[in-house]
PDB file of all heavy atoms in Angstrom:
ATOM      1  N   GLY A   1      -1.122  28.251   0.743  1.00  0.00           N
ATOM      2  CA  GLY A   1      -0.476  27.573   1.854  1.00  0.00           C
ATOM      3  C   GLY A   1      -0.760  26.079   1.859  1.00  0.00           C
ATOM      4  O   GLY A   1       0.150  25.266   2.115  1.00  0.00           O
ATOM      5  N   LEU A   2      -2.007  25.697   1.579  1.00  0.00           N
ATOM      6  CA  LEU A   2      -2.359  24.281   1.516  1.00  0.00           C
ATOM      7  C   LEU A   2      -1.563  23.578   0.422  1.00  0.00           C
ATOM      8  O   LEU A   2      -1.052  22.466   0.623  1.00  0.00           O
ATOM      9  CB  LEU A   2      -3.854  24.130   1.262  1.00  0.00           C
ATOM     10  CG  LEU A   2      -4.356  22.701   1.015  1.00  0.00           C
ATOM     11  CD1 LEU A   2      -4.146  21.840   2.263  1.00  0.00           C
ATOM     12  CD2 LEU A   2      -5.834  22.709   0.611  1.00  0.00           C
ATOM     13  N   HIS A   3      -1.446  24.232  -0.726  1.00  0.00           N
ATOM     14  CA  HIS A   3      -0.733  23.627  -1.854  1.00  0.00           C
ATOM     15  C   HIS A   3       0.739  23.385  -1.497  1.00  0.00           C
ATOM     16  O   HIS A   3       1.293  22.310  -1.782  1.00  0.00           O
ATOM     17  CB  HIS A   3      -0.846  24.543  -3.071  1.00  0.00           C
ATOM     18  CG  HIS A   3      -0.703  23.836  -4.366  1.00  0.00           C
ATOM     19  ND1 HIS A   3      -0.863  24.453  -5.583  1.00  0.00           N
ATOM     20  CD2 HIS A   3      -0.398  22.546  -4.657  1.00  0.00           C
ATOM     21  CE1 HIS A   3      -0.663  23.582  -6.550  1.00  0.00           C
ATOM     22  NE2 HIS A   3      -0.380  22.424  -6.018  1.00  0.00           N
ATOM     23  N   TYR A   4       1.377  24.367  -0.872  1.00  0.00           N
ATOM     24  CA  TYR A   4       2.772  24.196  -0.473  1.00  0.00           C
ATOM     25  C   TYR A   4       2.905  23.153   0.627  1.00  0.00           C
ATOM     26  O   TYR A   4       3.879  22.379   0.657  1.00  0.00           O
ATOM     27  CB  TYR A   4       3.363  25.531  -0.020  1.00  0.00           C
ATOM     28  CG  TYR A   4       3.909  26.358  -1.158  1.00  0.00           C
ATOM     29  CD1 TYR A   4       3.150  27.382  -1.731  1.00  0.00           C
ATOM     30  CD2 TYR A   4       5.173  26.108  -1.680  1.00  0.00           C
ATOM     31  CE1 TYR A   4       3.631  28.126  -2.782  1.00  0.00           C
ATOM     32  CE2 TYR A   4       5.675  26.861  -2.739  1.00  0.00           C
ATOM     33  CZ  TYR A   4       4.901  27.867  -3.286  1.00  0.00           C
ATOM     34  OH  TYR A   4       5.391  28.600  -4.337  1.00  0.00           O
ATOM     35  N   ALA A   5       1.948  23.094   1.542  1.00  0.00           N
ATOM     36  CA  ALA A   5       2.001  22.105   2.628  1.00  0.00           C
ATOM     37  C   ALA A   5       1.951  20.690   2.067  1.00  0.00           C
ATOM     38  O   ALA A   5       2.701  19.804   2.506  1.00  0.00           O
ATOM     39  CB  ALA A   5       0.853  22.335   3.603  1.00  0.00           C
ATOM     40  N   VAL A   6       1.090  20.474   1.078  1.00  0.00           N
ATOM     41  CA  VAL A   6       1.012  19.156   0.440  1.00  0.00           C
ATOM     42  C   VAL A   6       2.341  18.799  -0.208  1.00  0.00           C
ATOM     43  O   VAL A   6       2.818  17.658  -0.119  1.00  0.00           O
ATOM     44  CB  VAL A   6      -0.130  19.130  -0.591  1.00  0.00           C
ATOM     45  CG1 VAL A   6      -0.058  17.875  -1.463  1.00  0.00           C
ATOM     46  CG2 VAL A   6      -1.487  19.202   0.107  1.00  0.00           C
ATOM     47  N   GLY A   7       2.983  19.789  -0.849  1.00  0.00           N
ATOM     48  CA  GLY A   7       4.285  19.543  -1.466  1.00  0.00           C
ATOM     49  C   GLY A   7       5.367  19.249  -0.446  1.00  0.00           C
ATOM     50  O   GLY A   7       6.161  18.305  -0.606  1.00  0.00           O
ATOM     51  N   PHE A   8       5.429  20.049   0.616  1.00  0.00           N
ATOM     52  CA  PHE A   8       6.459  19.852   1.642  1.00  0.00           C
ATOM     53  C   PHE A   8       6.308  18.489   2.328  1.00  0.00           C
ATOM     54  O   PHE A   8       7.303  17.862   2.712  1.00  0.00           O
ATOM     55  CB  PHE A   8       6.397  20.969   2.682  1.00  0.00           C
ATOM     56  CG  PHE A   8       7.058  22.236   2.256  1.00  0.00           C
ATOM     57  CD1 PHE A   8       6.357  23.435   2.266  1.00  0.00           C
ATOM     58  CD2 PHE A   8       8.393  22.257   1.835  1.00  0.00           C
ATOM     59  CE1 PHE A   8       6.964  24.620   1.857  1.00  0.00           C
ATOM     60  CE2 PHE A   8       9.002  23.426   1.435  1.00  0.00           C
ATOM     61  CZ  PHE A   8       8.288  24.616   1.444  1.00  0.00           C
ATOM     62  N   LEU A   9       5.081  18.027   2.491  1.00  0.00           N
ATOM     63  CA  LEU A   9       4.846  16.743   3.140  1.00  0.00           C
ATOM     64  C   LEU A   9       5.078  15.561   2.208  1.00  0.00           C
ATOM     65  O   LEU A   9       4.994  14.400   2.638  1.00  0.00           O
ATOM     66  CB  LEU A   9       3.418  16.696   3.692  1.00  0.00           C
ATOM     67  CG  LEU A   9       3.131  17.643   4.871  1.00  0.00           C
ATOM     68  CD1 LEU A   9       1.641  17.671   5.176  1.00  0.00           C
ATOM     69  CD2 LEU A   9       3.924  17.211   6.098  1.00  0.00           C
ATOM     70  N   GLY A  10       5.350  15.860   0.937  1.00  0.00           N
ATOM     71  CA  GLY A  10       5.619  14.794  -0.023  1.00  0.00           C
ATOM     72  C   GLY A  10       4.393  14.088  -0.544  1.00  0.00           C
ATOM     73  O   GLY A  10       4.495  12.998  -1.126  1.00  0.00           O
ATOM     74  N   TRP A  11       3.219  14.677  -0.352  1.00  0.00           N
ATOM     75  CA  TRP A  11       1.990  14.055  -0.814  1.00  0.00           C
ATOM     76  C   TRP A  11       1.679  14.417  -2.272  1.00  0.00           C
ATOM     77  O   TRP A  11       0.753  13.864  -2.860  1.00  0.00           O
ATOM     78  CB  TRP A  11       0.817  14.480   0.069  1.00  0.00           C
ATOM     79  CG  TRP A  11       0.958  14.026   1.491  1.00  0.00           C
ATOM     80  CD1 TRP A  11       1.772  13.020   1.951  1.00  0.00           C
ATOM     81  CD2 TRP A  11       0.269  14.553   2.628  1.00  0.00           C
ATOM     82  NE1 TRP A  11       1.639  12.882   3.304  1.00  0.00           N
ATOM     83  CE2 TRP A  11       0.710  13.813   3.763  1.00  0.00           C
ATOM     84  CE3 TRP A  11      -0.660  15.555   2.825  1.00  0.00           C
ATOM     85  CZ2 TRP A  11       0.251  14.051   5.040  1.00  0.00           C
ATOM     86  CZ3 TRP A  11      -1.127  15.799   4.106  1.00  0.00           C
ATOM     87  CH2 TRP A  11      -0.681  15.059   5.207  1.00  0.00           C
ATOM     88  N   GLY A  12       2.394  15.343  -2.833  1.00  0.00           N
ATOM     89  CA  GLY A  12       2.190  15.758  -4.215  1.00  0.00           C
ATOM     90  C   GLY A  12       3.303  16.693  -4.637  1.00  0.00           C
ATOM     91  O   GLY A  12       4.156  17.072  -3.819  1.00  0.00           O
ATOM     92  N   ALA A  13       3.312  17.043  -5.916  1.00  0.00           N
ATOM     93  CA  ALA A  13       4.350  17.926  -6.428  1.00  0.00           C
ATOM     94  C   ALA A  13       4.203  19.327  -5.839  1.00  0.00           C
ATOM     95  O   ALA A  13       3.103  19.780  -5.522  1.00  0.00           O
ATOM     96  CB  ALA A  13       4.277  17.996  -7.954  1.00  0.00           C
ATOM     97  N   MET A  14       5.334  20.004  -5.697  1.00  0.00           N
ATOM     98  CA  MET A  14       5.309  21.398  -5.265  1.00  0.00           C
ATOM     99  C   MET A  14       4.693  22.260  -6.365  1.00  0.00           C
ATOM    100  O   MET A  14       4.781  21.929  -7.551  1.00  0.00           O
ATOM    101  CB  MET A  14       6.731  21.875  -4.971  1.00  0.00           C
ATOM    102  CG  MET A  14       7.370  21.240  -3.755  1.00  0.00           C
ATOM    103  SD  MET A  14       6.624  21.811  -2.214  1.00  0.00           S
ATOM    104  CE  MET A  14       7.208  23.511  -2.174  1.00  0.00           C
ATOM    105  N   PRO A  15       4.064  23.385  -6.011  1.00  0.00           N
ATOM    106  CA  PRO A  15       3.576  24.308  -7.040  1.00  0.00           C
ATOM    107  C   PRO A  15       4.706  24.709  -7.985  1.00  0.00           C
ATOM    108  O   PRO A  15       5.806  25.035  -7.550  1.00  0.00           O
ATOM    109  CB  PRO A  15       3.081  25.501  -6.221  1.00  0.00           C
ATOM    110  CG  PRO A  15       2.746  24.930  -4.889  1.00  0.00           C
ATOM    111  CD  PRO A  15       3.752  23.837  -4.649  1.00  0.00           C
ATOM    112  N   GLY A  16       4.433  24.619  -9.271  1.00  0.00           N
ATOM    113  CA  GLY A  16       5.449  24.934 -10.266  1.00  0.00           C
ATOM    114  C   GLY A  16       6.282  23.735 -10.662  1.00  0.00           C
ATOM    115  O   GLY A  16       7.013  23.788 -11.643  1.00  0.00           O
ATOM    116  N   GLY A  17       6.165  22.626  -9.922  1.00  0.00           N
ATOM    117  CA  GLY A  17       6.897  21.421 -10.263  1.00  0.00           C
ATOM    118  C   GLY A  17       6.076  20.516 -11.153  1.00  0.00           C
ATOM    119  O   GLY A  17       4.978  20.850 -11.591  1.00  0.00           O
ATOM    120  N   VAL A  18       6.620  19.337 -11.436  1.00  0.00           N
ATOM    121  CA  VAL A  18       5.902  18.364 -12.244  1.00  0.00           C
ATOM    122  C   VAL A  18       5.784  17.080 -11.446  1.00  0.00           C
ATOM    123  O   VAL A  18       6.555  16.820 -10.525  1.00  0.00           O
ATOM    124  CB  VAL A  18       6.611  18.093 -13.585  1.00  0.00           C
ATOM    125  CG1 VAL A  18       6.618  19.329 -14.450  1.00  0.00           C
ATOM    126  CG2 VAL A  18       8.049  17.600 -13.354  1.00  0.00           C
ATOM    127  N   GLY A  19       4.796  16.281 -11.808  1.00  0.00           N
ATOM    128  CA  GLY A  19       4.588  15.018 -11.145  1.00  0.00           C
ATOM    129  C   GLY A  19       3.173  14.879 -10.631  1.00  0.00           C
ATOM    130  O   GLY A  19       2.485  15.878 -10.400  1.00  0.00           O
ATOM    131  N   PRO A  20       2.712  13.650 -10.453  1.00  0.00           N
ATOM    132  CA  PRO A  20       1.330  13.407 -10.022  1.00  0.00           C
ATOM    133  C   PRO A  20       1.049  13.967  -8.634  1.00  0.00           C
ATOM    134  O   PRO A  20       1.902  13.965  -7.755  1.00  0.00           O
ATOM    135  CB  PRO A  20       1.237  11.877 -10.032  1.00  0.00           C
ATOM    136  CG  PRO A  20       2.326  11.415 -10.933  1.00  0.00           C
ATOM    137  CD  PRO A  20       3.428  12.412 -10.783  1.00  0.00           C
ATOM    138  N   ASN A  21      -0.166  14.438  -8.462  1.00  0.00           N
ATOM    139  CA  ASN A  21      -0.646  14.907  -7.158  1.00  0.00           C
ATOM    140  C   ASN A  21      -2.062  14.375  -6.976  1.00  0.00           C
ATOM    141  O   ASN A  21      -3.029  14.997  -7.418  1.00  0.00           O
ATOM    142  CB  ASN A  21      -0.627  16.427  -7.083  1.00  0.00           C
ATOM    143  CG  ASN A  21      -1.081  16.943  -5.722  1.00  0.00           C
ATOM    144  OD1 ASN A  21      -1.503  16.171  -4.866  1.00  0.00           O
ATOM    145  ND2 ASN A  21      -1.007  18.243  -5.520  1.00  0.00           N
ATOM    146  N   PRO A  22      -2.212  13.222  -6.337  1.00  0.00           N
ATOM    147  CA  PRO A  22      -3.549  12.628  -6.207  1.00  0.00           C
ATOM    148  C   PRO A  22      -4.505  13.452  -5.356  1.00  0.00           C
ATOM    149  O   PRO A  22      -5.714  13.208  -5.369  1.00  0.00           O
ATOM    150  CB  PRO A  22      -3.260  11.261  -5.551  1.00  0.00           C
ATOM    151  CG  PRO A  22      -1.934  11.427  -4.877  1.00  0.00           C
ATOM    152  CD  PRO A  22      -1.166  12.392  -5.726  1.00  0.00           C
ATOM    153  N   LEU A  23      -3.989  14.418  -4.613  1.00  0.00           N
ATOM    154  CA  LEU A  23      -4.840  15.235  -3.749  1.00  0.00           C
ATOM    155  C   LEU A  23      -5.304  16.528  -4.427  1.00  0.00           C
ATOM    156  O   LEU A  23      -6.054  17.299  -3.813  1.00  0.00           O
ATOM    157  CB  LEU A  23      -4.089  15.593  -2.458  1.00  0.00           C
ATOM    158  CG  LEU A  23      -3.690  14.428  -1.549  1.00  0.00           C
ATOM    159  CD1 LEU A  23      -2.916  14.950  -0.346  1.00  0.00           C
ATOM    160  CD2 LEU A  23      -4.916  13.658  -1.098  1.00  0.00           C
ATOM    161  N   LEU A  24      -4.877  16.762  -5.661  1.00  0.00           N
ATOM    162  CA  LEU A  24      -5.100  18.076  -6.270  1.00  0.00           C
ATOM    163  C   LEU A  24      -6.583  18.426  -6.367  1.00  0.00           C
ATOM    164  O   LEU A  24      -6.990  19.539  -6.018  1.00  0.00           O
ATOM    165  CB  LEU A  24      -4.446  18.128  -7.655  1.00  0.00           C
ATOM    166  CG  LEU A  24      -4.403  19.498  -8.314  1.00  0.00           C
ATOM    167  CD1 LEU A  24      -3.594  20.483  -7.476  1.00  0.00           C
ATOM    168  CD2 LEU A  24      -3.808  19.395  -9.718  1.00  0.00           C
ATOM    169  N   LEU A  25      -7.388  17.497  -6.837  1.00  0.00           N
ATOM    170  CA  LEU A  25      -8.823  17.779  -6.966  1.00  0.00           C
ATOM    171  C   LEU A  25      -9.434  18.056  -5.597  1.00  0.00           C
ATOM    172  O   LEU A  25     -10.261  18.970  -5.445  1.00  0.00           O
ATOM    173  CB  LEU A  25      -9.533  16.608  -7.634  1.00  0.00           C
ATOM    174  CG  LEU A  25     -11.062  16.732  -7.747  1.00  0.00           C
ATOM    175  CD1 LEU A  25     -11.445  17.953  -8.578  1.00  0.00           C
ATOM    176  CD2 LEU A  25     -11.662  15.458  -8.364  1.00  0.00           C
ATOM    177  N   TRP A  26      -9.017  17.291  -4.585  1.00  0.00           N
ATOM    178  CA  TRP A  26      -9.577  17.479  -3.251  1.00  0.00           C
ATOM    179  C   TRP A  26      -9.110  18.796  -2.633  1.00  0.00           C
ATOM    180  O   TRP A  26      -9.854  19.432  -1.885  1.00  0.00           O
ATOM    181  CB  TRP A  26      -9.202  16.301  -2.358  1.00  0.00           C
ATOM    182  CG  TRP A  26      -9.761  15.020  -2.880  1.00  0.00           C
ATOM    183  CD1 TRP A  26      -9.067  13.986  -3.457  1.00  0.00           C
ATOM    184  CD2 TRP A  26     -11.144  14.647  -2.928  1.00  0.00           C
ATOM    185  NE1 TRP A  26      -9.924  12.992  -3.843  1.00  0.00           N
ATOM    186  CE2 TRP A  26     -11.206  13.359  -3.532  1.00  0.00           C
ATOM    187  CE3 TRP A  26     -12.316  15.253  -2.512  1.00  0.00           C
ATOM    188  CZ2 TRP A  26     -12.412  12.697  -3.735  1.00  0.00           C
ATOM    189  CZ3 TRP A  26     -13.517  14.593  -2.713  1.00  0.00           C
ATOM    190  CH2 TRP A  26     -13.555  13.333  -3.316  1.00  0.00           C
ATOM    191  N   GLU A  27      -7.883  19.208  -2.949  1.00  0.00           N
ATOM    192  CA  GLU A  27      -7.424  20.530  -2.513  1.00  0.00           C
ATOM    193  C   GLU A  27      -8.338  21.614  -3.082  1.00  0.00           C
ATOM    194  O   GLU A  27      -8.780  22.529  -2.368  1.00  0.00           O
ATOM    195  CB  GLU A  27      -5.985  20.776  -2.972  1.00  0.00           C
ATOM    196  CG  GLU A  27      -4.928  19.915  -2.315  1.00  0.00           C
ATOM    197  CD  GLU A  27      -3.563  20.180  -2.931  1.00  0.00           C
ATOM    198  OE1 GLU A  27      -3.202  21.369  -3.105  1.00  0.00           O
ATOM    199  OE2 GLU A  27      -2.864  19.209  -3.255  1.00  0.00           O
ATOM    200  N   PHE A  28      -8.596  21.509  -4.380  1.00  0.00           N
ATOM    201  CA  PHE A  28      -9.437  22.503  -5.051  1.00  0.00           C
ATOM    202  C   PHE A  28     -10.848  22.506  -4.468  1.00  0.00           C
ATOM    203  O   PHE A  28     -11.368  23.550  -4.054  1.00  0.00           O
ATOM    204  CB  PHE A  28      -9.467  22.217  -6.549  1.00  0.00           C
ATOM    205  CG  PHE A  28     -10.455  23.047  -7.320  1.00  0.00           C
ATOM    206  CD1 PHE A  28     -10.224  24.396  -7.536  1.00  0.00           C
ATOM    207  CD2 PHE A  28     -11.619  22.480  -7.824  1.00  0.00           C
ATOM    208  CE1 PHE A  28     -11.139  25.168  -8.249  1.00  0.00           C
ATOM    209  CE2 PHE A  28     -12.539  23.234  -8.531  1.00  0.00           C
ATOM    210  CZ  PHE A  28     -12.293  24.577  -8.742  1.00  0.00           C
ATOM    211  N   LEU A  29     -11.475  21.329  -4.423  1.00  0.00           N
ATOM    212  CA  LEU A  29     -12.858  21.258  -3.944  1.00  0.00           C
ATOM    213  C   LEU A  29     -12.956  21.654  -2.475  1.00  0.00           C
ATOM    214  O   LEU A  29     -13.909  22.328  -2.064  1.00  0.00           O
ATOM    215  CB  LEU A  29     -13.398  19.843  -4.150  1.00  0.00           C
ATOM    216  CG  LEU A  29     -13.574  19.384  -5.599  1.00  0.00           C
ATOM    217  CD1 LEU A  29     -14.062  17.946  -5.640  1.00  0.00           C
ATOM    218  CD2 LEU A  29     -14.538  20.295  -6.348  1.00  0.00           C
ATOM    219  N   GLY A  30     -11.979  21.248  -1.673  1.00  0.00           N
ATOM    220  CA  GLY A  30     -12.005  21.595  -0.253  1.00  0.00           C
ATOM    221  C   GLY A  30     -11.905  23.083  -0.021  1.00  0.00           C
ATOM    222  O   GLY A  30     -12.664  23.647   0.794  1.00  0.00           O
ATOM    223  N   MET A  31     -10.992  23.737  -0.735  1.00  0.00           N
ATOM    224  CA  MET A  31     -10.840  25.179  -0.564  1.00  0.00           C
ATOM    225  C   MET A  31     -12.049  25.934  -1.105  1.00  0.00           C
ATOM    226  O   MET A  31     -12.467  26.953  -0.533  1.00  0.00           O
ATOM    227  CB  MET A  31      -9.563  25.669  -1.238  1.00  0.00           C
ATOM    228  CG  MET A  31      -8.285  25.238  -0.545  1.00  0.00           C
ATOM    229  SD  MET A  31      -8.229  25.658   1.222  1.00  0.00           S
ATOM    230  CE  MET A  31      -8.572  27.410   1.201  1.00  0.00           C
ATOM    231  N   VAL A  32     -12.643  25.452  -2.186  1.00  0.00           N
ATOM    232  CA  VAL A  32     -13.857  26.085  -2.714  1.00  0.00           C
ATOM    233  C   VAL A  32     -14.994  25.935  -1.703  1.00  0.00           C
ATOM    234  O   VAL A  32     -15.751  26.892  -1.451  1.00  0.00           O
ATOM    235  CB  VAL A  32     -14.251  25.472  -4.067  1.00  0.00           C
ATOM    236  CG1 VAL A  32     -15.647  25.937  -4.496  1.00  0.00           C
ATOM    237  CG2 VAL A  32     -13.235  25.855  -5.139  1.00  0.00           C
ATOM    238  N   ALA A  33     -15.115  24.755  -1.095  1.00  0.00           N
ATOM    239  CA  ALA A  33     -16.185  24.533  -0.115  1.00  0.00           C
ATOM    240  C   ALA A  33     -15.987  25.412   1.120  1.00  0.00           C
ATOM    241  O   ALA A  33     -16.934  26.067   1.586  1.00  0.00           O
ATOM    242  CB  ALA A  33     -16.227  23.055   0.286  1.00  0.00           C
ATOM    243  N   LEU A  34     -14.770  25.439   1.662  1.00  0.00           N
ATOM    244  CA  LEU A  34     -14.517  26.254   2.853  1.00  0.00           C
ATOM    245  C   LEU A  34     -14.653  27.744   2.546  1.00  0.00           C
ATOM    246  O   LEU A  34     -15.286  28.494   3.293  1.00  0.00           O
ATOM    247  CB  LEU A  34     -13.121  25.945   3.400  1.00  0.00           C
ATOM    248  CG  LEU A  34     -12.935  24.561   4.030  1.00  0.00           C
ATOM    249  CD1 LEU A  34     -11.477  24.328   4.382  1.00  0.00           C
ATOM    250  CD2 LEU A  34     -13.815  24.417   5.268  1.00  0.00           C
ATOM    251  N   GLY A  35     -14.026  28.169   1.448  1.00  0.00           N
ATOM    252  CA  GLY A  35     -14.121  29.580   1.075  1.00  0.00           C
ATOM    253  C   GLY A  35     -15.541  29.978   0.737  1.00  0.00           C
ATOM    254  O   GLY A  35     -16.006  31.067   1.110  1.00  0.00           O
ATOM    255  N   GLY A  36     -16.259  29.083   0.043  1.00  0.00           N
ATOM    256  CA  GLY A  36     -17.646  29.376  -0.298  1.00  0.00           C
ATOM    257  C   GLY A  36     -18.524  29.490   0.924  1.00  0.00           C
ATOM    258  O   GLY A  36     -19.410  30.353   0.991  1.00  0.00           O
ATOM    259  N   ALA A  37     -18.290  28.624   1.926  1.00  0.00           N
ATOM    260  CA  ALA A  37     -19.083  28.687   3.163  1.00  0.00           C
ATOM    261  C   ALA A  37     -18.844  30.004   3.893  1.00  0.00           C
ATOM    262  O   ALA A  37     -19.781  30.632   4.413  1.00  0.00           O
ATOM    263  CB  ALA A  37     -18.735  27.501   4.057  1.00  0.00           C
ATOM    264  N   TRP A  38     -17.572  30.434   3.943  1.00  0.00           N
ATOM    265  CA  TRP A  38     -17.243  31.682   4.645  1.00  0.00           C
ATOM    266  C   TRP A  38     -17.822  32.890   3.918  1.00  0.00           C
ATOM    267  O   TRP A  38     -18.499  33.738   4.513  1.00  0.00           O
ATOM    268  CB  TRP A  38     -15.720  31.793   4.780  1.00  0.00           C
ATOM    269  CG  TRP A  38     -15.279  32.879   5.716  1.00  0.00           C
ATOM    270  CD1 TRP A  38     -15.938  33.348   6.809  1.00  0.00           C
ATOM    271  CD2 TRP A  38     -14.076  33.637   5.621  1.00  0.00           C
ATOM    272  NE1 TRP A  38     -15.212  34.348   7.419  1.00  0.00           N
ATOM    273  CE2 TRP A  38     -14.062  34.535   6.710  1.00  0.00           C
ATOM    274  CE3 TRP A  38     -12.994  33.624   4.736  1.00  0.00           C
ATOM    275  CZ2 TRP A  38     -13.008  35.439   6.910  1.00  0.00           C
ATOM    276  CZ3 TRP A  38     -11.949  34.506   4.953  1.00  0.00           C
ATOM    277  CH2 TRP A  38     -11.963  35.407   6.032  1.00  0.00           C
ATOM    278  N   LEU A  39     -17.566  32.973   2.604  1.00  0.00           N
ATOM    279  CA  LEU A  39     -18.128  34.091   1.838  1.00  0.00           C
ATOM    280  C   LEU A  39     -19.646  34.015   1.802  1.00  0.00           C
ATOM    281  O   LEU A  39     -20.344  35.034   1.882  1.00  0.00           O
ATOM    282  CB  LEU A  39     -17.576  34.077   0.413  1.00  0.00           C
ATOM    283  CG  LEU A  39     -16.290  34.839   0.136  1.00  0.00           C
ATOM    284  CD1 LEU A  39     -15.892  34.686  -1.318  1.00  0.00           C
ATOM    285  CD2 LEU A  39     -16.432  36.307   0.489  1.00  0.00           C
ATOM    286  N   GLY A  40     -20.174  32.786   1.665  1.00  0.00           N
ATOM    287  CA  GLY A  40     -21.620  32.624   1.606  1.00  0.00           C
ATOM    288  C   GLY A  40     -22.293  33.110   2.877  1.00  0.00           C
ATOM    289  O   GLY A  40     -23.363  33.726   2.839  1.00  0.00           O
TER     290      GLY A  40
END
């Protein structure tokens, strides 16, 4: 959902599309941190 939201808002390419997404690393790290905190 986060990945699609970033695409819909025009902040990065849609999943499956091409083009730069400067937020991609932060999407990954943010979801790992939140998911890790919950599972942890």
